[in-house]
Amino acid sequence: MRTSLPLLQFKTRLVLADDVVDGILNEVFDAGFHIGNIDHPDIGMLPLRTIAYLVVGPASYADRLSRAGWKEVAEMPWVAAPERSHVARFLRVLFAQHGTRPNEVVECDQLSAMLDLVRSGLGVGLLREDVALGAVEKGEVVLWPHGRIEGKLSFIYKSSAEHDPSIVGMLSVLREHWQI
């Protein structure tokens, strides 16, 4: 985007999914990337791709996970994400579909550290599919085959700014880059 739109000044912030939406609605941010579903009339979006998340546990849980159903997995210790994150929302939805809630014993506000905490044996976690499968291949974690959830990675902006030249430019660059 910087090369294609040299007159725009870009500032990046790493914030939780719900904070991206709030920042756009409150005009703190002009636009942002968001993982999950949004159904808000004031938010415009350009869906970019689907991202899957999988349930994984420490290698030491291999036997327990291989025999576990939803209730048993929910009762295991969980490494959870912050309430306003897309991972926390996915985890709630995934277990609500089966009438249970995970036993969250540790919260990790650095999603990049989730793998380290699961790998160290603190509990089960929900990881992005590429990260999870890579760790499974290395024998660092084990996969629970029943826990998969998908969400959309989207570029979002305030609907009322849809014709703003900077938003139009960013959407154009993203459409070209993502071949949309």
N, C-alpha and C. Protein backbone atom coordinates (compact mmCIF):
# COMPACT_ATOMS: atom_id res chain seq x y z
N MET A 1 0.83 -1.20 0.00
CA MET A 1 0.00 0.00 0.00
C MET A 1 0.87 1.25 0.00
N ARG A 2 1.95 1.19 0.74
CA ARG A 2 2.83 2.37 0.83
C ARG A 2 3.38 2.73 -0.55
N THR A 3 3.76 1.73 -1.34
CA THR A 3 4.29 1.99 -2.67
C THR A 3 3.21 2.52 -3.60
N SER A 4 2.03 1.96 -3.54
CA SER A 4 0.93 2.36 -4.43
C SER A 4 0.27 3.66 -4.02
N LEU A 5 0.33 3.98 -2.73
CA LEU A 5 -0.34 5.19 -2.22
C LEU A 5 0.67 6.04 -1.43
N PRO A 6 1.68 6.58 -2.10
CA PRO A 6 2.78 7.26 -1.39
C PRO A 6 2.37 8.53 -0.65
N LEU A 7 1.23 9.11 -0.99
CA LEU A 7 0.82 10.34 -0.30
C LEU A 7 0.08 10.07 1.01
N LEU A 8 -0.29 8.81 1.25
CA LEU A 8 -0.97 8.48 2.50
C LEU A 8 0.05 8.19 3.59
N GLN A 9 -0.28 8.63 4.79
CA GLN A 9 0.57 8.31 5.94
C GLN A 9 -0.05 7.11 6.65
N PHE A 10 0.72 6.05 6.84
CA PHE A 10 0.22 4.83 7.48
C PHE A 10 0.76 4.73 8.89
N LYS A 11 -0.11 4.41 9.82
CA LYS A 11 0.26 4.11 11.20
C LYS A 11 -0.40 2.79 11.53
N THR A 12 0.36 1.88 12.10
CA THR A 12 -0.21 0.59 12.44
C THR A 12 -0.29 0.44 13.96
N ARG A 13 -1.30 -0.28 14.39
CA ARG A 13 -1.51 -0.58 15.80
C ARG A 13 -1.94 -2.04 15.89
N LEU A 14 -1.44 -2.74 16.88
CA LEU A 14 -1.88 -4.10 17.12
C LEU A 14 -2.91 -4.04 18.25
N VAL A 15 -4.17 -4.25 17.89
CA VAL A 15 -5.25 -4.21 18.88
C VAL A 15 -6.16 -5.42 18.68
N LEU A 16 -6.96 -5.70 19.67
CA LEU A 16 -7.89 -6.82 19.62
C LEU A 16 -9.01 -6.55 18.63
N ALA A 17 -9.63 -7.62 18.12
CA ALA A 17 -10.64 -7.52 17.06
C ALA A 17 -11.76 -6.54 17.40
N ASP A 18 -12.31 -6.63 18.60
CA ASP A 18 -13.40 -5.72 18.97
C ASP A 18 -12.93 -4.28 19.06
N ASP A 19 -11.65 -4.08 19.41
CA ASP A 19 -11.10 -2.73 19.49
C ASP A 19 -10.89 -2.12 18.10
N VAL A 20 -10.63 -2.95 17.10
CA VAL A 20 -10.53 -2.45 15.73
C VAL A 20 -11.90 -1.89 15.31
N VAL A 21 -12.94 -2.67 15.56
CA VAL A 21 -14.30 -2.23 15.21
C VAL A 21 -14.65 -0.94 15.94
N ASP A 22 -14.42 -0.91 17.26
CA ASP A 22 -14.73 0.29 18.05
C ASP A 22 -13.92 1.48 17.56
N GLY A 23 -12.65 1.26 17.23
CA GLY A 23 -11.79 2.35 16.75
C GLY A 23 -12.28 2.94 15.45
N ILE A 24 -12.80 2.09 14.58
CA ILE A 24 -13.34 2.59 13.31
C ILE A 24 -14.65 3.32 13.54
N LEU A 25 -15.53 2.75 14.36
CA LEU A 25 -16.82 3.40 14.64
C LEU A 25 -16.63 4.74 15.33
N ASN A 26 -15.62 4.85 16.19
CA ASN A 26 -15.35 6.09 16.92
C ASN A 26 -14.36 7.00 16.19
N GLU A 27 -14.01 6.62 14.96
CA GLU A 27 -13.12 7.39 14.10
C GLU A 27 -11.73 7.60 14.69
N VAL A 28 -11.27 6.64 15.48
CA VAL A 28 -9.89 6.63 15.95
C VAL A 28 -9.01 6.05 14.85
N PHE A 29 -9.55 5.06 14.12
CA PHE A 29 -8.87 4.45 12.98
C PHE A 29 -9.69 4.71 11.73
N ASP A 30 -9.01 4.86 10.61
CA ASP A 30 -9.72 5.00 9.33
C ASP A 30 -10.14 3.63 8.80
N ALA A 31 -9.29 2.63 9.06
CA ALA A 31 -9.55 1.29 8.54
C ALA A 31 -8.68 0.31 9.32
N GLY A 32 -8.92 -0.97 9.08
CA GLY A 32 -8.11 -1.97 9.76
C GLY A 32 -8.41 -3.37 9.26
N PHE A 33 -7.61 -4.29 9.71
CA PHE A 33 -7.83 -5.70 9.39
C PHE A 33 -8.53 -6.35 10.58
N HIS A 34 -9.46 -7.23 10.29
CA HIS A 34 -10.28 -7.84 11.33
C HIS A 34 -10.50 -9.31 10.99
N ILE A 35 -10.43 -10.16 12.01
CA ILE A 35 -10.74 -11.57 11.83
C ILE A 35 -12.03 -11.85 12.59
N GLY A 36 -13.00 -12.40 11.89
CA GLY A 36 -14.29 -12.73 12.50
C GLY A 36 -15.42 -12.18 11.67
N ASN A 37 -16.61 -12.33 12.19
CA ASN A 37 -17.79 -11.85 11.49
C ASN A 37 -18.25 -10.53 12.09
N ILE A 38 -18.64 -9.61 11.22
CA ILE A 38 -19.17 -8.32 11.66
C ILE A 38 -20.49 -8.11 10.95
N ASP A 39 -21.48 -7.78 11.72
CA ASP A 39 -22.79 -7.46 11.16
C ASP A 39 -23.22 -6.12 11.74
N HIS A 40 -22.60 -5.07 11.26
CA HIS A 40 -22.88 -3.72 11.75
C HIS A 40 -23.13 -2.82 10.55
N PRO A 41 -24.23 -2.10 10.54
CA PRO A 41 -24.57 -1.28 9.37
C PRO A 41 -23.57 -0.15 9.07
N ASP A 42 -22.78 0.25 10.06
CA ASP A 42 -21.83 1.34 9.85
C ASP A 42 -20.43 0.86 9.48
N ILE A 43 -20.27 -0.45 9.33
CA ILE A 43 -18.97 -1.01 8.97
C ILE A 43 -19.03 -1.59 7.56
N GLY A 44 -18.14 -1.10 6.71
CA GLY A 44 -17.98 -1.68 5.38
C GLY A 44 -16.81 -2.63 5.42
N MET A 45 -16.82 -3.62 4.55
CA MET A 45 -15.72 -4.59 4.60
C MET A 45 -15.40 -5.16 3.25
N LEU A 46 -14.16 -5.57 3.13
CA LEU A 46 -13.68 -6.30 1.97
C LEU A 46 -13.14 -7.63 2.50
N PRO A 47 -13.90 -8.72 2.34
CA PRO A 47 -13.41 -10.03 2.79
C PRO A 47 -12.18 -10.43 1.97
N LEU A 48 -11.13 -10.88 2.64
CA LEU A 48 -9.88 -11.24 1.97
C LEU A 48 -9.67 -12.74 1.88
N ARG A 49 -9.92 -13.45 2.97
CA ARG A 49 -9.76 -14.91 2.96
C ARG A 49 -10.36 -15.51 4.22
N THR A 50 -10.51 -16.81 4.21
CA THR A 50 -10.98 -17.54 5.37
C THR A 50 -9.78 -18.06 6.14
N ILE A 51 -9.85 -17.96 7.46
CA ILE A 51 -8.80 -18.46 8.33
C ILE A 51 -9.43 -19.47 9.28
N ALA A 52 -8.79 -20.62 9.42
CA ALA A 52 -9.29 -21.66 10.32
C ALA A 52 -8.45 -21.70 11.60
N TYR A 53 -9.10 -22.06 12.70
CA TYR A 53 -8.44 -22.25 13.99
C TYR A 53 -8.73 -23.66 14.47
N LEU A 54 -7.74 -24.28 15.12
CA LEU A 54 -7.85 -25.66 15.57
C LEU A 54 -7.55 -25.77 17.06
N VAL A 55 -8.14 -26.77 17.69
CA VAL A 55 -7.88 -27.06 19.10
C VAL A 55 -6.65 -27.96 19.18
N VAL A 56 -5.67 -27.52 19.96
CA VAL A 56 -4.46 -28.30 20.18
C VAL A 56 -4.16 -28.38 21.68
N GLY A 57 -3.43 -29.41 22.04
CA GLY A 57 -3.01 -29.58 23.43
C GLY A 57 -1.54 -29.93 23.49
N PRO A 58 -0.98 -29.88 24.69
CA PRO A 58 0.41 -30.29 24.86
C PRO A 58 0.60 -31.74 24.43
N ALA A 59 1.77 -32.09 23.99
CA ALA A 59 2.05 -33.46 23.57
C ALA A 59 1.70 -34.46 24.68
N SER A 60 1.86 -34.05 25.92
CA SER A 60 1.55 -34.94 27.05
C SER A 60 0.06 -35.26 27.17
N TYR A 61 -0.80 -34.52 26.44
CA TYR A 61 -2.25 -34.74 26.47
C TYR A 61 -2.71 -35.69 25.36
N ALA A 62 -1.79 -36.25 24.60
CA ALA A 62 -2.15 -37.05 23.42
C ALA A 62 -3.18 -38.12 23.74
N ASP A 63 -2.95 -38.88 24.79
CA ASP A 63 -3.87 -39.97 25.14
C ASP A 63 -5.24 -39.42 25.57
N ARG A 64 -5.22 -38.42 26.44
CA ARG A 64 -6.48 -37.82 26.93
C ARG A 64 -7.29 -37.24 25.79
N LEU A 65 -6.64 -36.50 24.89
CA LEU A 65 -7.35 -35.86 23.79
C LEU A 65 -7.90 -36.87 22.79
N SER A 66 -7.19 -37.96 22.59
CA SER A 66 -7.64 -38.94 21.60
C SER A 66 -8.97 -39.59 21.98
N ARG A 67 -9.29 -39.61 23.27
CA ARG A 67 -10.53 -40.23 23.75
C ARG A 67 -11.58 -39.21 24.18
N ALA A 68 -11.26 -37.94 24.14
CA ALA A 68 -12.12 -36.91 24.74
C ALA A 68 -13.23 -36.45 23.80
N GLY A 69 -14.39 -36.21 24.41
CA GLY A 69 -15.50 -35.55 23.73
C GLY A 69 -15.50 -34.09 24.12
N TRP A 70 -16.52 -33.36 23.70
CA TRP A 70 -16.60 -31.93 23.98
C TRP A 70 -16.58 -31.61 25.46
N LYS A 71 -17.32 -32.36 26.25
CA LYS A 71 -17.38 -32.10 27.69
C LYS A 71 -16.01 -32.29 28.33
N GLU A 72 -15.33 -33.38 27.98
CA GLU A 72 -14.01 -33.67 28.55
C GLU A 72 -12.97 -32.62 28.14
N VAL A 73 -13.02 -32.21 26.90
CA VAL A 73 -12.08 -31.19 26.44
C VAL A 73 -12.35 -29.86 27.12
N ALA A 74 -13.61 -29.53 27.30
CA ALA A 74 -13.97 -28.28 27.98
C ALA A 74 -13.47 -28.27 29.42
N GLU A 75 -13.44 -29.41 30.06
CA GLU A 75 -13.01 -29.50 31.46
C GLU A 75 -11.49 -29.43 31.62
N MET A 76 -10.75 -29.67 30.56
CA MET A 76 -9.29 -29.57 30.62
C MET A 76 -8.90 -28.12 30.85
N PRO A 77 -7.70 -27.87 31.39
CA PRO A 77 -7.26 -26.47 31.54
C PRO A 77 -7.05 -25.84 30.15
N TRP A 78 -7.51 -24.61 30.01
CA TRP A 78 -7.41 -23.90 28.74
C TRP A 78 -6.56 -22.65 28.87
N VAL A 79 -5.76 -22.41 27.85
CA VAL A 79 -5.05 -21.15 27.69
C VAL A 79 -5.96 -20.29 26.84
N ALA A 80 -6.51 -19.25 27.43
CA ALA A 80 -7.51 -18.43 26.77
C ALA A 80 -6.92 -17.13 26.26
N ALA A 81 -7.65 -16.51 25.36
CA ALA A 81 -7.27 -15.21 24.80
C ALA A 81 -8.12 -14.13 25.47
N PRO A 82 -7.73 -12.87 25.39
CA PRO A 82 -8.51 -11.78 25.98
C PRO A 82 -9.94 -11.74 25.41
N GLU A 83 -10.86 -11.35 26.25
CA GLU A 83 -12.29 -11.33 25.94
C GLU A 83 -12.63 -10.66 24.61
N ARG A 84 -11.95 -9.59 24.26
CA ARG A 84 -12.30 -8.82 23.06
C ARG A 84 -11.56 -9.29 21.80
N SER A 85 -10.86 -10.41 21.89
CA SER A 85 -10.12 -10.91 20.74
C SER A 85 -10.97 -11.85 19.89
N HIS A 86 -10.56 -12.02 18.66
CA HIS A 86 -11.27 -12.95 17.78
C HIS A 86 -11.12 -14.39 18.25
N VAL A 87 -9.98 -14.73 18.84
CA VAL A 87 -9.76 -16.09 19.32
C VAL A 87 -10.71 -16.41 20.48
N ALA A 88 -10.90 -15.47 21.39
CA ALA A 88 -11.85 -15.68 22.50
C ALA A 88 -13.27 -15.85 21.96
N ARG A 89 -13.63 -15.05 20.97
CA ARG A 89 -14.98 -15.16 20.38
C ARG A 89 -15.15 -16.52 19.70
N PHE A 90 -14.14 -16.94 18.93
CA PHE A 90 -14.21 -18.24 18.27
C PHE A 90 -14.35 -19.37 19.30
N LEU A 91 -13.60 -19.28 20.39
CA LEU A 91 -13.64 -20.31 21.42
C LEU A 91 -15.04 -20.38 22.06
N ARG A 92 -15.62 -19.22 22.36
CA ARG A 92 -16.98 -19.19 22.94
C ARG A 92 -17.99 -19.81 21.99
N VAL A 93 -17.92 -19.44 20.72
CA VAL A 93 -18.87 -19.95 19.72
C VAL A 93 -18.70 -21.46 19.56
N LEU A 94 -17.47 -21.90 19.45
CA LEU A 94 -17.18 -23.32 19.25
C LEU A 94 -17.79 -24.18 20.36
N PHE A 95 -17.59 -23.77 21.60
CA PHE A 95 -18.10 -24.56 22.72
C PHE A 95 -19.58 -24.34 22.97
N ALA A 96 -20.08 -23.15 22.70
CA ALA A 96 -21.51 -22.90 22.86
C ALA A 96 -22.33 -23.80 21.94
N GLN A 97 -21.79 -24.11 20.76
CA GLN A 97 -22.47 -25.00 19.83
C GLN A 97 -22.66 -26.39 20.43
N HIS A 98 -21.88 -26.70 21.45
CA HIS A 98 -21.94 -28.02 22.08
C HIS A 98 -22.41 -27.93 23.54
N GLY A 99 -22.97 -26.77 23.90
CA GLY A 99 -23.58 -26.59 25.21
C GLY A 99 -22.62 -26.60 26.38
N THR A 100 -21.40 -26.16 26.16
CA THR A 100 -20.42 -26.14 27.25
C THR A 100 -19.51 -24.92 27.14
N ARG A 101 -18.70 -24.72 28.16
CA ARG A 101 -17.72 -23.63 28.18
C ARG A 101 -16.37 -24.19 28.58
N PRO A 102 -15.29 -23.71 27.98
CA PRO A 102 -13.97 -24.21 28.36
C PRO A 102 -13.54 -23.71 29.74
N ASN A 103 -12.73 -24.50 30.41
CA ASN A 103 -12.19 -24.19 31.73
C ASN A 103 -10.94 -23.32 31.55
N GLU A 104 -11.13 -22.03 31.45
CA GLU A 104 -10.03 -21.11 31.18
C GLU A 104 -9.24 -20.86 32.46
N VAL A 105 -7.97 -21.28 32.46
CA VAL A 105 -7.15 -21.15 33.67
C VAL A 105 -6.02 -20.12 33.50
N VAL A 106 -5.67 -19.84 32.26
CA VAL A 106 -4.61 -18.87 31.96
C VAL A 106 -5.09 -18.01 30.81
N GLU A 107 -4.85 -16.69 30.89
CA GLU A 107 -5.17 -15.82 29.76
C GLU A 107 -3.87 -15.28 29.20
N CYS A 108 -3.76 -15.34 27.89
CA CYS A 108 -2.56 -14.88 27.20
C CYS A 108 -2.94 -13.73 26.28
N ASP A 109 -2.42 -12.54 26.54
CA ASP A 109 -2.78 -11.40 25.70
C ASP A 109 -1.87 -11.26 24.48
N GLN A 110 -0.90 -12.12 24.35
CA GLN A 110 -0.04 -12.15 23.17
C GLN A 110 -0.36 -13.41 22.40
N LEU A 111 -1.19 -13.28 21.37
CA LEU A 111 -1.62 -14.47 20.64
C LEU A 111 -0.44 -15.23 20.06
N SER A 112 0.64 -14.54 19.79
CA SER A 112 1.84 -15.21 19.27
C SER A 112 2.48 -16.11 20.32
N ALA A 113 2.18 -15.90 21.60
CA ALA A 113 2.75 -16.72 22.67
C ALA A 113 1.86 -17.90 23.03
N MET A 114 0.67 -17.98 22.44
CA MET A 114 -0.27 -19.06 22.77
C MET A 114 0.37 -20.42 22.53
N LEU A 115 1.05 -20.60 21.41
CA LEU A 115 1.70 -21.87 21.12
C LEU A 115 2.69 -22.23 22.21
N ASP A 116 3.50 -21.28 22.65
CA ASP A 116 4.49 -21.54 23.69
C ASP A 116 3.84 -22.04 24.98
N LEU A 117 2.71 -21.44 25.35
CA LEU A 117 2.04 -21.82 26.58
C LEU A 117 1.41 -23.21 26.47
N VAL A 118 0.83 -23.51 25.32
CA VAL A 118 0.26 -24.85 25.11
C VAL A 118 1.40 -25.87 25.09
N ARG A 119 2.43 -25.59 24.33
CA ARG A 119 3.58 -26.49 24.20
C ARG A 119 4.20 -26.78 25.57
N SER A 120 4.22 -25.79 26.45
CA SER A 120 4.85 -25.97 27.78
C SER A 120 4.00 -26.80 28.73
N GLY A 121 2.75 -27.10 28.33
CA GLY A 121 1.92 -27.97 29.16
C GLY A 121 0.89 -27.26 30.02
N LEU A 122 0.74 -25.94 29.86
CA LEU A 122 -0.23 -25.21 30.69
C LEU A 122 -1.67 -25.58 30.39
N GLY A 123 -1.94 -26.00 29.17
CA GLY A 123 -3.31 -26.39 28.83
C GLY A 123 -3.54 -26.44 27.35
N VAL A 124 -4.81 -26.59 27.01
CA VAL A 124 -5.27 -26.69 25.63
C VAL A 124 -5.48 -25.27 25.11
N GLY A 125 -5.36 -25.09 23.80
CA GLY A 125 -5.56 -23.76 23.22
C GLY A 125 -6.12 -23.84 21.82
N LEU A 126 -6.55 -22.70 21.33
CA LEU A 126 -7.08 -22.57 19.98
C LEU A 126 -6.04 -21.79 19.17
N LEU A 127 -5.49 -22.45 18.14
CA LEU A 127 -4.43 -21.83 17.34
C LEU A 127 -4.83 -21.75 15.87
N ARG A 128 -4.28 -20.74 15.19
CA ARG A 128 -4.49 -20.63 13.75
C ARG A 128 -3.99 -21.92 13.10
N GLU A 129 -4.70 -22.38 12.09
CA GLU A 129 -4.44 -23.68 11.49
C GLU A 129 -2.98 -23.88 11.05
N ASP A 130 -2.40 -22.90 10.36
CA ASP A 130 -1.03 -23.07 9.88
C ASP A 130 -0.04 -23.21 11.03
N VAL A 131 -0.25 -22.46 12.11
CA VAL A 131 0.61 -22.55 13.29
C VAL A 131 0.41 -23.90 13.97
N ALA A 132 -0.84 -24.29 14.13
CA ALA A 132 -1.16 -25.56 14.79
C ALA A 132 -0.57 -26.75 14.04
N LEU A 133 -0.79 -26.80 12.73
CA LEU A 133 -0.31 -27.94 11.95
C LEU A 133 1.22 -28.01 11.90
N GLY A 134 1.86 -26.85 11.85
CA GLY A 134 3.32 -26.82 11.90
C GLY A 134 3.86 -27.38 13.21
N ALA A 135 3.22 -27.03 14.31
CA ALA A 135 3.64 -27.53 15.63
C ALA A 135 3.32 -29.02 15.78
N VAL A 136 2.22 -29.46 15.20
CA VAL A 136 1.87 -30.88 15.23
C VAL A 136 2.92 -31.68 14.46
N GLU A 137 3.32 -31.19 13.28
CA GLU A 137 4.34 -31.88 12.47
C GLU A 137 5.65 -32.02 13.22
N LYS A 138 5.98 -31.05 14.05
CA LYS A 138 7.23 -31.09 14.82
C LYS A 138 7.09 -31.91 16.11
N GLY A 139 5.87 -32.37 16.40
CA GLY A 139 5.63 -33.15 17.63
C GLY A 139 5.54 -32.30 18.88
N GLU A 140 5.36 -30.98 18.72
CA GLU A 140 5.32 -30.07 19.87
C GLU A 140 3.96 -30.06 20.56
N VAL A 141 2.91 -30.29 19.79
CA VAL A 141 1.55 -30.30 20.32
C VAL A 141 0.78 -31.42 19.61
N VAL A 142 -0.40 -31.72 20.14
CA VAL A 142 -1.27 -32.71 19.49
C VAL A 142 -2.58 -32.03 19.11
N LEU A 143 -3.15 -32.50 18.05
CA LEU A 143 -4.39 -31.96 17.52
C LEU A 143 -5.57 -32.73 18.08
N TRP A 144 -6.61 -32.00 18.48
CA TRP A 144 -7.88 -32.64 18.81
C TRP A 144 -8.74 -32.49 17.56
N PRO A 145 -9.05 -33.58 16.86
CA PRO A 145 -9.63 -33.49 15.52
C PRO A 145 -11.04 -32.92 15.41
N HIS A 146 -11.72 -32.74 16.52
CA HIS A 146 -13.11 -32.27 16.46
C HIS A 146 -13.24 -30.75 16.58
N GLY A 147 -12.19 -30.07 16.97
CA GLY A 147 -12.26 -28.64 17.24
C GLY A 147 -11.71 -27.79 16.12
N ARG A 148 -12.57 -27.35 15.23
CA ARG A 148 -12.16 -26.49 14.11
C ARG A 148 -13.23 -25.42 13.94
N ILE A 149 -12.78 -24.18 13.74
CA ILE A 149 -13.71 -23.09 13.48
C ILE A 149 -13.06 -22.15 12.47
N GLU A 150 -13.88 -21.57 11.60
CA GLU A 150 -13.37 -20.67 10.57
C GLU A 150 -13.94 -19.27 10.75
N GLY A 151 -13.17 -18.30 10.31
CA GLY A 151 -13.60 -16.91 10.30
C GLY A 151 -12.99 -16.19 9.12
N LYS A 152 -13.53 -15.04 8.81
CA LYS A 152 -13.04 -14.25 7.68
C LYS A 152 -12.03 -13.21 8.13
N LEU A 153 -10.95 -13.13 7.37
CA LEU A 153 -10.03 -12.00 7.49
C LEU A 153 -10.56 -10.96 6.52
N SER A 154 -10.87 -9.77 7.04
CA SER A 154 -11.43 -8.70 6.21
C SER A 154 -10.71 -7.40 6.48
N PHE A 155 -10.74 -6.54 5.49
CA PHE A 155 -10.30 -5.16 5.64
C PHE A 155 -11.58 -4.39 5.92
N ILE A 156 -11.64 -3.66 7.03
CA ILE A 156 -12.87 -2.96 7.40
C ILE A 156 -12.65 -1.47 7.52
N TYR A 157 -13.74 -0.73 7.35
CA TYR A 157 -13.71 0.73 7.36
C TYR A 157 -15.13 1.22 7.66
N LYS A 158 -15.25 2.48 7.97
CA LYS A 158 -16.57 3.04 8.23
C LYS A 158 -17.32 3.19 6.91
N SER A 159 -18.54 2.67 6.86
CA SER A 159 -19.34 2.69 5.62
C SER A 159 -19.46 4.09 5.05
N SER A 160 -19.61 5.08 5.91
CA SER A 160 -19.78 6.45 5.42
C SER A 160 -18.52 6.99 4.74
N ALA A 161 -17.38 6.32 4.92
CA ALA A 161 -16.12 6.75 4.29
C ALA A 161 -15.82 5.97 3.03
N GLU A 162 -16.78 5.19 2.56
CA GLU A 162 -16.56 4.30 1.41
C GLU A 162 -16.06 5.03 0.17
N HIS A 163 -16.44 6.30 0.01
CA HIS A 163 -16.03 7.07 -1.17
C HIS A 163 -14.86 8.01 -0.89
N ASP A 164 -14.33 7.96 0.32
CA ASP A 164 -13.16 8.75 0.67
C ASP A 164 -11.98 8.27 -0.20
N PRO A 165 -11.24 9.17 -0.82
CA PRO A 165 -10.15 8.76 -1.71
C PRO A 165 -9.13 7.80 -1.08
N SER A 166 -8.84 7.98 0.20
CA SER A 166 -7.86 7.08 0.83
C SER A 166 -8.42 5.67 0.97
N ILE A 167 -9.70 5.54 1.33
CA ILE A 167 -10.33 4.22 1.44
C ILE A 167 -10.45 3.58 0.06
N VAL A 168 -10.88 4.37 -0.92
CA VAL A 168 -10.98 3.85 -2.30
C VAL A 168 -9.62 3.34 -2.77
N GLY A 169 -8.57 4.09 -2.48
CA GLY A 169 -7.23 3.69 -2.88
C GLY A 169 -6.78 2.42 -2.19
N MET A 170 -7.01 2.34 -0.88
CA MET A 170 -6.61 1.14 -0.14
C MET A 170 -7.39 -0.09 -0.62
N LEU A 171 -8.68 0.08 -0.86
CA LEU A 171 -9.49 -1.04 -1.36
C LEU A 171 -8.99 -1.51 -2.72
N SER A 172 -8.62 -0.56 -3.56
CA SER A 172 -8.10 -0.91 -4.89
C SER A 172 -6.81 -1.71 -4.78
N VAL A 173 -5.90 -1.27 -3.94
CA VAL A 173 -4.63 -1.97 -3.76
C VAL A 173 -4.88 -3.37 -3.19
N LEU A 174 -5.76 -3.46 -2.21
CA LEU A 174 -6.04 -4.77 -1.62
C LEU A 174 -6.70 -5.72 -2.62
N ARG A 175 -7.63 -5.20 -3.42
CA ARG A 175 -8.27 -6.05 -4.43
C ARG A 175 -7.24 -6.60 -5.42
N GLU A 176 -6.30 -5.74 -5.80
CA GLU A 176 -5.26 -6.18 -6.72
C GLU A 176 -4.33 -7.20 -6.06
N HIS A 177 -3.88 -6.89 -4.86
CA HIS A 177 -2.95 -7.77 -4.15
C HIS A 177 -3.56 -9.14 -3.84
N TRP A 178 -4.81 -9.14 -3.39
CA TRP A 178 -5.49 -10.38 -3.02
C TRP A 178 -6.23 -11.01 -4.21
N GLN A 179 -6.10 -10.39 -5.36
CA GLN A 179 -6.74 -10.87 -6.60
C GLN A 179 -8.24 -11.09 -6.41
N ILE A 180 -8.88 -10.02 -5.92
CA ILE A 180 -10.33 -10.06 -5.67
C ILE A 180 -11.04 -9.31 -6.78
